Amino acid sequence: MAHIIQLAIVPVFTLAGIGALLNLMANRLARVVDRWGRWSASCRARPARTRPSAARRLTNGATRTGRPPPYRPHVLPALRSLLDTAARK
């Protein structure tokens, strides 16, 4: 009986998780679009000789503080080991 209830509830949690993930990605995309709009408006307002520096700053990955994001070399190996462990099960 408990197994049947578990099987009936699994799709609900799966759909809730997918919905939360889609919501997260939609909000992130909205932030990117808003930031791009502000950046392009500020580029149009600047004189032509200063535009390349703004483009360089954007493509170098600078954050709002002007510093590049921190390099995290431990993230990819940890993710790989997690996926390897999940694949073995």
PDB file of N, CA and C in Angstrom:
ATOM      1  N   MET A   1       0.811  -1.194   0.000  1.00  0.00           N
ATOM      2  CA  MET A   1       0.000   0.000   0.000  1.00  0.00           C
ATOM      3  C   MET A   1       0.868   1.278   0.000  1.00  0.00           C
ATOM      4  N   ALA A   2       1.907   1.287   0.850  1.00  0.00           N
ATOM      5  CA  ALA A   2       2.783   2.460   0.934  1.00  0.00           C
ATOM      6  C   ALA A   2       3.516   2.679  -0.382  1.00  0.00           C
ATOM      7  N   HIS A   3       3.889   1.598  -1.037  1.00  0.00           N
ATOM      8  CA  HIS A   3       4.600   1.711  -2.309  1.00  0.00           C
ATOM      9  C   HIS A   3       3.707   2.345  -3.379  1.00  0.00           C
ATOM     10  N   ILE A   4       2.432   2.014  -3.384  1.00  0.00           N
ATOM     11  CA  ILE A   4       1.488   2.588  -4.353  1.00  0.00           C
ATOM     12  C   ILE A   4       1.336   4.089  -4.117  1.00  0.00           C
ATOM     13  N   ILE A   5       1.281   4.482  -2.854  1.00  0.00           N
ATOM     14  CA  ILE A   5       1.171   5.915  -2.533  1.00  0.00           C
ATOM     15  C   ILE A   5       2.440   6.646  -2.969  1.00  0.00           C
ATOM     16  N   GLN A   6       3.590   6.029  -2.727  1.00  0.00           N
ATOM     17  CA  GLN A   6       4.844   6.653  -3.160  1.00  0.00           C
ATOM     18  C   GLN A   6       4.875   6.834  -4.670  1.00  0.00           C
ATOM     19  N   LEU A   7       4.441   5.822  -5.398  1.00  0.00           N
ATOM     20  CA  LEU A   7       4.429   5.928  -6.857  1.00  0.00           C
ATOM     21  C   LEU A   7       3.441   6.974  -7.347  1.00  0.00           C
ATOM     22  N   ALA A   8       2.369   7.186  -6.615  1.00  0.00           N
ATOM     23  CA  ALA A   8       1.385   8.181  -7.021  1.00  0.00           C
ATOM     24  C   ALA A   8       1.877   9.605  -6.742  1.00  0.00           C
ATOM     25  N   ILE A   9       2.725   9.762  -5.743  1.00  0.00           N
ATOM     26  CA  ILE A   9       3.186  11.098  -5.350  1.00  0.00           C
ATOM     27  C   ILE A   9       4.416  11.537  -6.140  1.00  0.00           C
ATOM     28  N   VAL A  10       5.189  10.622  -6.656  1.00  0.00           N
ATOM     29  CA  VAL A  10       6.431  10.949  -7.374  1.00  0.00           C
ATOM     30  C   VAL A  10       6.209  11.951  -8.499  1.00  0.00           C
ATOM     31  N   PRO A  11       5.200  11.788  -9.372  1.00  0.00           N
ATOM     32  CA  PRO A  11       5.032  12.776 -10.452  1.00  0.00           C
ATOM     33  C   PRO A  11       4.739  14.186  -9.944  1.00  0.00           C
ATOM     34  N   VAL A  12       4.065  14.276  -8.804  1.00  0.00           N
ATOM     35  CA  VAL A  12       3.767  15.602  -8.246  1.00  0.00           C
ATOM     36  C   VAL A  12       5.053  16.320  -7.875  1.00  0.00           C
ATOM     37  N   PHE A  13       5.941  15.631  -7.175  1.00  0.00           N
ATOM     38  CA  PHE A  13       7.208  16.254  -6.792  1.00  0.00           C
ATOM     39  C   PHE A  13       8.101  16.503  -8.001  1.00  0.00           C
ATOM     40  N   THR A  14       8.047  15.621  -8.976  1.00  0.00           N
ATOM     41  CA  THR A  14       8.832  15.833 -10.191  1.00  0.00           C
ATOM     42  C   THR A  14       8.369  17.087 -10.925  1.00  0.00           C
ATOM     43  N   LEU A  15       7.071  17.226 -11.086  1.00  0.00           N
ATOM     44  CA  LEU A  15       6.544  18.420 -11.758  1.00  0.00           C
ATOM     45  C   LEU A  15       6.822  19.692 -10.950  1.00  0.00           C
ATOM     46  N   ALA A  16       6.727  19.596  -9.634  1.00  0.00           N
ATOM     47  CA  ALA A  16       7.033  20.764  -8.794  1.00  0.00           C
ATOM     48  C   ALA A  16       8.499  21.158  -8.942  1.00  0.00           C
ATOM     49  N   GLY A  17       9.396  20.174  -9.000  1.00  0.00           N
ATOM     50  CA  GLY A  17      10.819  20.465  -9.177  1.00  0.00           C
ATOM     51  C   GLY A  17      11.115  21.071 -10.533  1.00  0.00           C
ATOM     52  N   ILE A  18      10.484  20.533 -11.574  1.00  0.00           N
ATOM     53  CA  ILE A  18      10.670  21.084 -12.920  1.00  0.00           C
ATOM     54  C   ILE A  18      10.129  22.508 -12.990  1.00  0.00           C
ATOM     55  N   GLY A  19       8.983  22.740 -12.361  1.00  0.00           N
ATOM     56  CA  GLY A  19       8.415  24.093 -12.340  1.00  0.00           C
ATOM     57  C   GLY A  19       9.312  25.077 -11.618  1.00  0.00           C
ATOM     58  N   ALA A  20       9.894  24.653 -10.502  1.00  0.00           N
ATOM     59  CA  ALA A  20      10.806  25.534  -9.759  1.00  0.00           C
ATOM     60  C   ALA A  20      12.054  25.837 -10.584  1.00  0.00           C
ATOM     61  N   LEU A  21      12.565  24.832 -11.280  1.00  0.00           N
ATOM     62  CA  LEU A  21      13.738  25.042 -12.117  1.00  0.00           C
ATOM     63  C   LEU A  21      13.445  25.992 -13.274  1.00  0.00           C
ATOM     64  N   LEU A  22      12.300  25.817 -13.908  1.00  0.00           N
ATOM     65  CA  LEU A  22      11.912  26.728 -14.996  1.00  0.00           C
ATOM     66  C   LEU A  22      11.732  28.154 -14.484  1.00  0.00           C
ATOM     67  N   ASN A  23      11.156  28.296 -13.309  1.00  0.00           N
ATOM     68  CA  ASN A  23      10.980  29.618 -12.708  1.00  0.00           C
ATOM     69  C   ASN A  23      12.335  30.266 -12.444  1.00  0.00           C
ATOM     70  N   LEU A  24      13.261  29.502 -11.918  1.00  0.00           N
ATOM     71  CA  LEU A  24      14.597  30.014 -11.647  1.00  0.00           C
ATOM     72  C   LEU A  24      15.274  30.476 -12.930  1.00  0.00           C
ATOM     73  N   MET A  25      15.203  29.661 -13.979  1.00  0.00           N
ATOM     74  CA  MET A  25      15.861  30.021 -15.238  1.00  0.00           C
ATOM     75  C   MET A  25      15.175  31.223 -15.910  1.00  0.00           C
ATOM     76  N   ALA A  26      13.854  31.317 -15.801  1.00  0.00           N
ATOM     77  CA  ALA A  26      13.151  32.462 -16.392  1.00  0.00           C
ATOM     78  C   ALA A  26      13.531  33.757 -15.675  1.00  0.00           C
ATOM     79  N   ASN A  27      13.645  33.703 -14.348  1.00  0.00           N
ATOM     80  CA  ASN A  27      14.051  34.898 -13.596  1.00  0.00           C
ATOM     81  C   ASN A  27      15.475  35.301 -13.934  1.00  0.00           C
ATOM     82  N   ARG A  28      16.343  34.330 -14.079  1.00  0.00           N
ATOM     83  CA  ARG A  28      17.730  34.637 -14.429  1.00  0.00           C
ATOM     84  C   ARG A  28      17.823  35.249 -15.825  1.00  0.00           C
ATOM     85  N   LEU A  29      17.065  34.698 -16.768  1.00  0.00           N
ATOM     86  CA  LEU A  29      17.052  35.248 -18.119  1.00  0.00           C
ATOM     87  C   LEU A  29      16.502  36.673 -18.117  1.00  0.00           C
ATOM     88  N   ALA A  30      15.500  36.936 -17.299  1.00  0.00           N
ATOM     89  CA  ALA A  30      14.952  38.294 -17.204  1.00  0.00           C
ATOM     90  C   ALA A  30      16.006  39.264 -16.679  1.00  0.00           C
ATOM     91  N   ARG A  31      16.808  38.827 -15.718  1.00  0.00           N
ATOM     92  CA  ARG A  31      17.886  39.694 -15.208  1.00  0.00           C
ATOM     93  C   ARG A  31      18.905  39.989 -16.289  1.00  0.00           C
ATOM     94  N   VAL A  32      19.255  38.967 -17.068  1.00  0.00           N
ATOM     95  CA  VAL A  32      20.235  39.159 -18.147  1.00  0.00           C
ATOM     96  C   VAL A  32      19.697  40.141 -19.177  1.00  0.00           C
ATOM     97  N   VAL A  33      18.436  39.996 -19.547  1.00  0.00           N
ATOM     98  CA  VAL A  33      17.831  40.893 -20.541  1.00  0.00           C
ATOM     99  C   VAL A  33      17.786  42.319 -20.004  1.00  0.00           C
ATOM    100  N   ASP A  34      17.414  42.494 -18.748  1.00  0.00           N
ATOM    101  CA  ASP A  34      17.386  43.836 -18.160  1.00  0.00           C
ATOM    102  C   ASP A  34      18.774  44.460 -18.119  1.00  0.00           C
ATOM    103  N   ARG A  35      19.755  43.655 -17.719  1.00  0.00           N
ATOM    104  CA  ARG A  35      21.115  44.179 -17.661  1.00  0.00           C
ATOM    105  C   ARG A  35      21.625  44.544 -19.050  1.00  0.00           C
ATOM    106  N   TRP A  36      21.309  43.717 -20.050  1.00  0.00           N
ATOM    107  CA  TRP A  36      21.728  44.006 -21.419  1.00  0.00           C
ATOM    108  C   TRP A  36      21.083  45.299 -21.908  1.00  0.00           C
ATOM    109  N   GLY A  37      19.812  45.501 -21.590  1.00  0.00           N
ATOM    110  CA  GLY A  37      19.132  46.734 -22.000  1.00  0.00           C
ATOM    111  C   GLY A  37      19.766  47.971 -21.393  1.00  0.00           C
ATOM    112  N   ARG A  38      20.102  47.895 -20.103  1.00  0.00           N
ATOM    113  CA  ARG A  38      20.763  49.038 -19.452  1.00  0.00           C
ATOM    114  C   ARG A  38      22.144  49.267 -20.040  1.00  0.00           C
ATOM    115  N   TRP A  39      22.861  48.172 -20.295  1.00  0.00           N
ATOM    116  CA  TRP A  39      24.210  48.307 -20.843  1.00  0.00           C
ATOM    117  C   TRP A  39      24.166  48.918 -22.238  1.00  0.00           C
ATOM    118  N   SER A  40      23.256  48.450 -23.090  1.00  0.00           N
ATOM    119  CA  SER A  40      23.205  48.984 -24.450  1.00  0.00           C
ATOM    120  C   SER A  40      22.752  50.438 -24.455  1.00  0.00           C
ATOM    121  N   ALA A  41      21.849  50.799 -23.537  1.00  0.00           N
ATOM    122  CA  ALA A  41      21.430  52.206 -23.450  1.00  0.00           C
ATOM    123  C   ALA A  41      22.599  53.082 -22.999  1.00  0.00           C
ATOM    124  N   SER A  42      23.394  52.594 -22.062  1.00  0.00           N
ATOM    125  CA  SER A  42      24.535  53.397 -21.605  1.00  0.00           C
ATOM    126  C   SER A  42      25.600  53.502 -22.691  1.00  0.00           C
ATOM    127  N   CYS A  43      25.733  52.460 -23.520  1.00  0.00           N
ATOM    128  CA  CYS A  43      26.701  52.524 -24.627  1.00  0.00           C
ATOM    129  C   CYS A  43      26.269  53.553 -25.669  1.00  0.00           C
ATOM    130  N   ARG A  44      24.970  53.602 -25.936  1.00  0.00           N
ATOM    131  CA  ARG A  44      24.492  54.588 -26.916  1.00  0.00           C
ATOM    132  C   ARG A  44      24.654  56.006 -26.400  1.00  0.00           C
ATOM    133  N   ALA A  45      24.607  56.183 -25.089  1.00  0.00           N
ATOM    134  CA  ALA A  45      24.735  57.522 -24.517  1.00  0.00           C
ATOM    135  C   ALA A  45      26.191  57.984 -24.446  1.00  0.00           C
ATOM    136  N   ARG A  46      27.145  57.076 -24.545  1.00  0.00           N
ATOM    137  CA  ARG A  46      28.561  57.443 -24.451  1.00  0.00           C
ATOM    138  C   ARG A  46      29.098  57.901 -25.796  1.00  0.00           C
ATOM    139  N   PRO A  47      30.160  58.673 -25.763  1.00  0.00           N
ATOM    140  CA  PRO A  47      30.826  59.025 -27.019  1.00  0.00           C
ATOM    141  C   PRO A  47      31.428  57.776 -27.662  1.00  0.00           C
ATOM    142  N   ALA A  48      31.597  57.801 -28.954  1.00  0.00           N
ATOM    143  CA  ALA A  48      32.048  56.624 -29.698  1.00  0.00           C
ATOM    144  C   ALA A  48      33.429  56.153 -29.254  1.00  0.00           C
ATOM    145  N   ARG A  49      34.297  57.062 -28.809  1.00  0.00           N
ATOM    146  CA  ARG A  49      35.648  56.648 -28.454  1.00  0.00           C
ATOM    147  C   ARG A  49      35.712  55.858 -27.150  1.00  0.00           C
ATOM    148  N   THR A  50      34.692  55.931 -26.317  1.00  0.00           N
ATOM    149  CA  THR A  50      34.716  55.189 -25.049  1.00  0.00           C
ATOM    150  C   THR A  50      33.927  53.889 -25.100  1.00  0.00           C
ATOM    151  N   ARG A  51      33.270  53.599 -26.193  1.00  0.00           N
ATOM    152  CA  ARG A  51      32.455  52.385 -26.271  1.00  0.00           C
ATOM    153  C   ARG A  51      33.252  51.087 -26.202  1.00  0.00           C
ATOM    154  N   PRO A  52      34.422  50.971 -26.840  1.00  0.00           N
ATOM    155  CA  PRO A  52      35.140  49.693 -26.757  1.00  0.00           C
ATOM    156  C   PRO A  52      35.501  49.293 -25.329  1.00  0.00           C
ATOM    157  N   SER A  53      35.798  50.257 -24.452  1.00  0.00           N
ATOM    158  CA  SER A  53      36.160  49.883 -23.084  1.00  0.00           C
ATOM    159  C   SER A  53      34.959  49.265 -22.365  1.00  0.00           C
ATOM    160  N   ALA A  54      33.759  49.754 -22.646  1.00  0.00           N
ATOM    161  CA  ALA A  54      32.566  49.170 -22.032  1.00  0.00           C
ATOM    162  C   ALA A  54      32.329  47.763 -22.557  1.00  0.00           C
ATOM    163  N   ALA A  55      32.563  47.556 -23.849  1.00  0.00           N
ATOM    164  CA  ALA A  55      32.402  46.218 -24.420  1.00  0.00           C
ATOM    165  C   ALA A  55      33.441  45.264 -23.854  1.00  0.00           C
ATOM    166  N   ARG A  56      34.663  45.743 -23.693  1.00  0.00           N
ATOM    167  CA  ARG A  56      35.706  44.906 -23.109  1.00  0.00           C
ATOM    168  C   ARG A  56      35.365  44.530 -21.676  1.00  0.00           C
ATOM    169  N   ARG A  57      34.843  45.490 -20.911  1.00  0.00           N
ATOM    170  CA  ARG A  57      34.482  45.214 -19.527  1.00  0.00           C
ATOM    171  C   ARG A  57      33.399  44.149 -19.454  1.00  0.00           C
ATOM    172  N   LEU A  58      32.443  44.193 -20.372  1.00  0.00           N
ATOM    173  CA  LEU A  58      31.365  43.206 -20.362  1.00  0.00           C
ATOM    174  C   LEU A  58      31.885  41.829 -20.744  1.00  0.00           C
ATOM    175  N   THR A  59      32.737  41.748 -21.756  1.00  0.00           N
ATOM    176  CA  THR A  59      33.207  40.443 -22.212  1.00  0.00           C
ATOM    177  C   THR A  59      34.263  39.852 -21.297  1.00  0.00           C
ATOM    178  N   ASN A  60      34.914  40.653 -20.475  1.00  0.00           N
ATOM    179  CA  ASN A  60      35.903  40.117 -19.542  1.00  0.00           C
ATOM    180  C   ASN A  60      35.249  39.482 -18.328  1.00  0.00           C
ATOM    181  N   GLY A  61      33.938  39.558 -18.203  1.00  0.00           N
ATOM    182  CA  GLY A  61      33.251  38.924 -17.092  1.00  0.00           C
ATOM    183  C   GLY A  61      33.296  39.737 -15.818  1.00  0.00           C
ATOM    184  N   ALA A  62      33.489  41.042 -15.929  1.00  0.00           N
ATOM    185  CA  ALA A  62      33.543  41.864 -14.735  1.00  0.00           C
ATOM    186  C   ALA A  62      32.174  41.914 -14.073  1.00  0.00           C
ATOM    187  N   THR A  63      32.183  41.949 -12.780  1.00  0.00           N
ATOM    188  CA  THR A  63      30.942  42.043 -12.024  1.00  0.00           C
ATOM    189  C   THR A  63      30.643  43.501 -11.738  1.00  0.00           C
ATOM    190  N   ARG A  64      29.611  43.755 -10.976  1.00  0.00           N
ATOM    191  CA  ARG A  64      29.255  45.143 -10.661  1.00  0.00           C
ATOM    192  C   ARG A  64      30.350  45.863  -9.888  1.00  0.00           C
ATOM    193  N   THR A  65      31.162  45.106  -9.160  1.00  0.00           N
ATOM    194  CA  THR A  65      32.234  45.720  -8.388  1.00  0.00           C
ATOM    195  C   THR A  65      33.449  46.036  -9.245  1.00  0.00           C
ATOM    196  N   GLY A  66      33.465  45.570 -10.496  1.00  0.00           N
ATOM    197  CA  GLY A  66      34.600  45.821 -11.369  1.00  0.00           C
ATOM    198  C   GLY A  66      35.635  44.720 -11.324  1.00  0.00           C
ATOM    199  N   ARG A  67      35.483  43.777 -10.389  1.00  0.00           N
ATOM    200  CA  ARG A  67      36.424  42.665 -10.294  1.00  0.00           C
ATOM    201  C   ARG A  67      35.866  41.466 -11.047  1.00  0.00           C
ATOM    202  N   PRO A  68      36.742  40.638 -11.594  1.00  0.00           N
ATOM    203  CA  PRO A  68      36.242  39.417 -12.248  1.00  0.00           C
ATOM    204  C   PRO A  68      35.681  38.455 -11.207  1.00  0.00           C
ATOM    205  N   PRO A  69      34.776  37.575 -11.600  1.00  0.00           N
ATOM    206  CA  PRO A  69      34.237  36.618 -10.634  1.00  0.00           C
ATOM    207  C   PRO A  69      35.333  35.677 -10.152  1.00  0.00           C
ATOM    208  N   PRO A  70      35.219  35.185  -8.922  1.00  0.00           N
ATOM    209  CA  PRO A  70      36.291  34.321  -8.397  1.00  0.00           C
ATOM    210  C   PRO A  70      36.370  33.008  -9.153  1.00  0.00           C
ATOM    211  N   TYR A  71      37.570  32.523  -9.303  1.00  0.00           N
ATOM    212  CA  TYR A  71      37.792  31.246  -9.984  1.00  0.00           C
ATOM    213  C   TYR A  71      37.607  30.137  -8.953  1.00  0.00           C
ATOM    214  N   ARG A  72      36.802  29.174  -9.289  1.00  0.00           N
ATOM    215  CA  ARG A  72      36.527  28.083  -8.356  1.00  0.00           C
ATOM    216  C   ARG A  72      36.948  26.760  -8.989  1.00  0.00           C
ATOM    217  N   PRO A  73      38.198  26.364  -8.815  1.00  0.00           N
ATOM    218  CA  PRO A  73      38.664  25.132  -9.458  1.00  0.00           C
ATOM    219  C   PRO A  73      38.093  23.867  -8.828  1.00  0.00           C
ATOM    220  N   HIS A  74      37.510  23.971  -7.635  1.00  0.00           N
ATOM    221  CA  HIS A  74      37.010  22.780  -6.952  1.00  0.00           C
ATOM    222  C   HIS A  74      35.603  22.386  -7.381  1.00  0.00           C
ATOM    223  N   VAL A  75      34.913  23.229  -8.117  1.00  0.00           N
ATOM    224  CA  VAL A  75      33.514  22.958  -8.452  1.00  0.00           C
ATOM    225  C   VAL A  75      33.386  21.832  -9.475  1.00  0.00           C
ATOM    226  N   LEU A  76      34.148  21.892 -10.551  1.00  0.00           N
ATOM    227  CA  LEU A  76      34.015  20.878 -11.592  1.00  0.00           C
ATOM    228  C   LEU A  76      34.421  19.477 -11.137  1.00  0.00           C
ATOM    229  N   PRO A  77      35.541  19.298 -10.430  1.00  0.00           N
ATOM    230  CA  PRO A  77      35.836  17.944  -9.950  1.00  0.00           C
ATOM    231  C   PRO A  77      34.781  17.405  -8.983  1.00  0.00           C
ATOM    232  N   ALA A  78      34.242  18.281  -8.137  1.00  0.00           N
ATOM    233  CA  ALA A  78      33.204  17.834  -7.204  1.00  0.00           C
ATOM    234  C   ALA A  78      31.955  17.415  -7.960  1.00  0.00           C
ATOM    235  N   LEU A  79      31.595  18.173  -8.976  1.00  0.00           N
ATOM    236  CA  LEU A  79      30.425  17.822  -9.781  1.00  0.00           C
ATOM    237  C   LEU A  79      30.664  16.524 -10.541  1.00  0.00           C
ATOM    238  N   ARG A  80      31.864  16.339 -11.059  1.00  0.00           N
ATOM    239  CA  ARG A  80      32.169  15.110 -11.786  1.00  0.00           C
ATOM    240  C   ARG A  80      32.102  13.895 -10.873  1.00  0.00           C
ATOM    241  N   SER A  81      32.648  14.006  -9.672  1.00  0.00           N
ATOM    242  CA  SER A  81      32.604  12.867  -8.754  1.00  0.00           C
ATOM    243  C   SER A  81      31.175  12.566  -8.328  1.00  0.00           C
ATOM    244  N   LEU A  82      30.362  13.597  -8.171  1.00  0.00           N
ATOM    245  CA  LEU A  82      28.962  13.386  -7.825  1.00  0.00           C
ATOM    246  C   LEU A  82      28.237  12.649  -8.949  1.00  0.00           C
ATOM    247  N   LEU A  83      28.477  13.055 -10.186  1.00  0.00           N
ATOM    248  CA  LEU A  83      27.841  12.393 -11.323  1.00  0.00           C
ATOM    249  C   LEU A  83      28.354  10.972 -11.505  1.00  0.00           C
ATOM    250  N   ASP A  84      29.655  10.754 -11.275  1.00  0.00           N
ATOM    251  CA  ASP A  84      30.207   9.402 -11.369  1.00  0.00           C
ATOM    252  C   ASP A  84      29.588   8.490 -10.323  1.00  0.00           C
ATOM    253  N   THR A  85      29.404   9.016  -9.117  1.00  0.00           N
ATOM    254  CA  THR A  85      28.810   8.227  -8.049  1.00  0.00           C
ATOM    255  C   THR A  85      27.358   7.887  -8.384  1.00  0.00           C
ATOM    256  N   ALA A  86      26.632   8.850  -8.936  1.00  0.00           N
ATOM    257  CA  ALA A  86      25.234   8.608  -9.298  1.00  0.00           C
ATOM    258  C   ALA A  86      25.140   7.606 -10.449  1.00  0.00           C
ATOM    259  N   ALA A  87      26.107   7.626 -11.371  1.00  0.00           N
ATOM    260  CA  ALA A  87      26.070   6.718 -12.506  1.00  0.00           C
ATOM    261  C   ALA A  87      26.365   5.277 -12.086  1.00  0.00           C
ATOM    262  N   ARG A  88      27.147   5.107 -11.027  1.00  0.00           N
ATOM    263  CA  ARG A  88      27.484   3.765 -10.565  1.00  0.00           C
ATOM    264  C   ARG A  88      26.321   3.062  -9.876  1.00  0.00           C
ATOM    265  N   LYS A  89      25.413   3.830  -9.341  1.00  0.00           N
ATOM    266  CA  LYS A  89      24.295   3.226  -8.586  1.00  0.00           C
ATOM    267  C   LYS A  89      23.274   2.617  -9.458  1.00  0.00           C
TER     268      LYS A  89
END
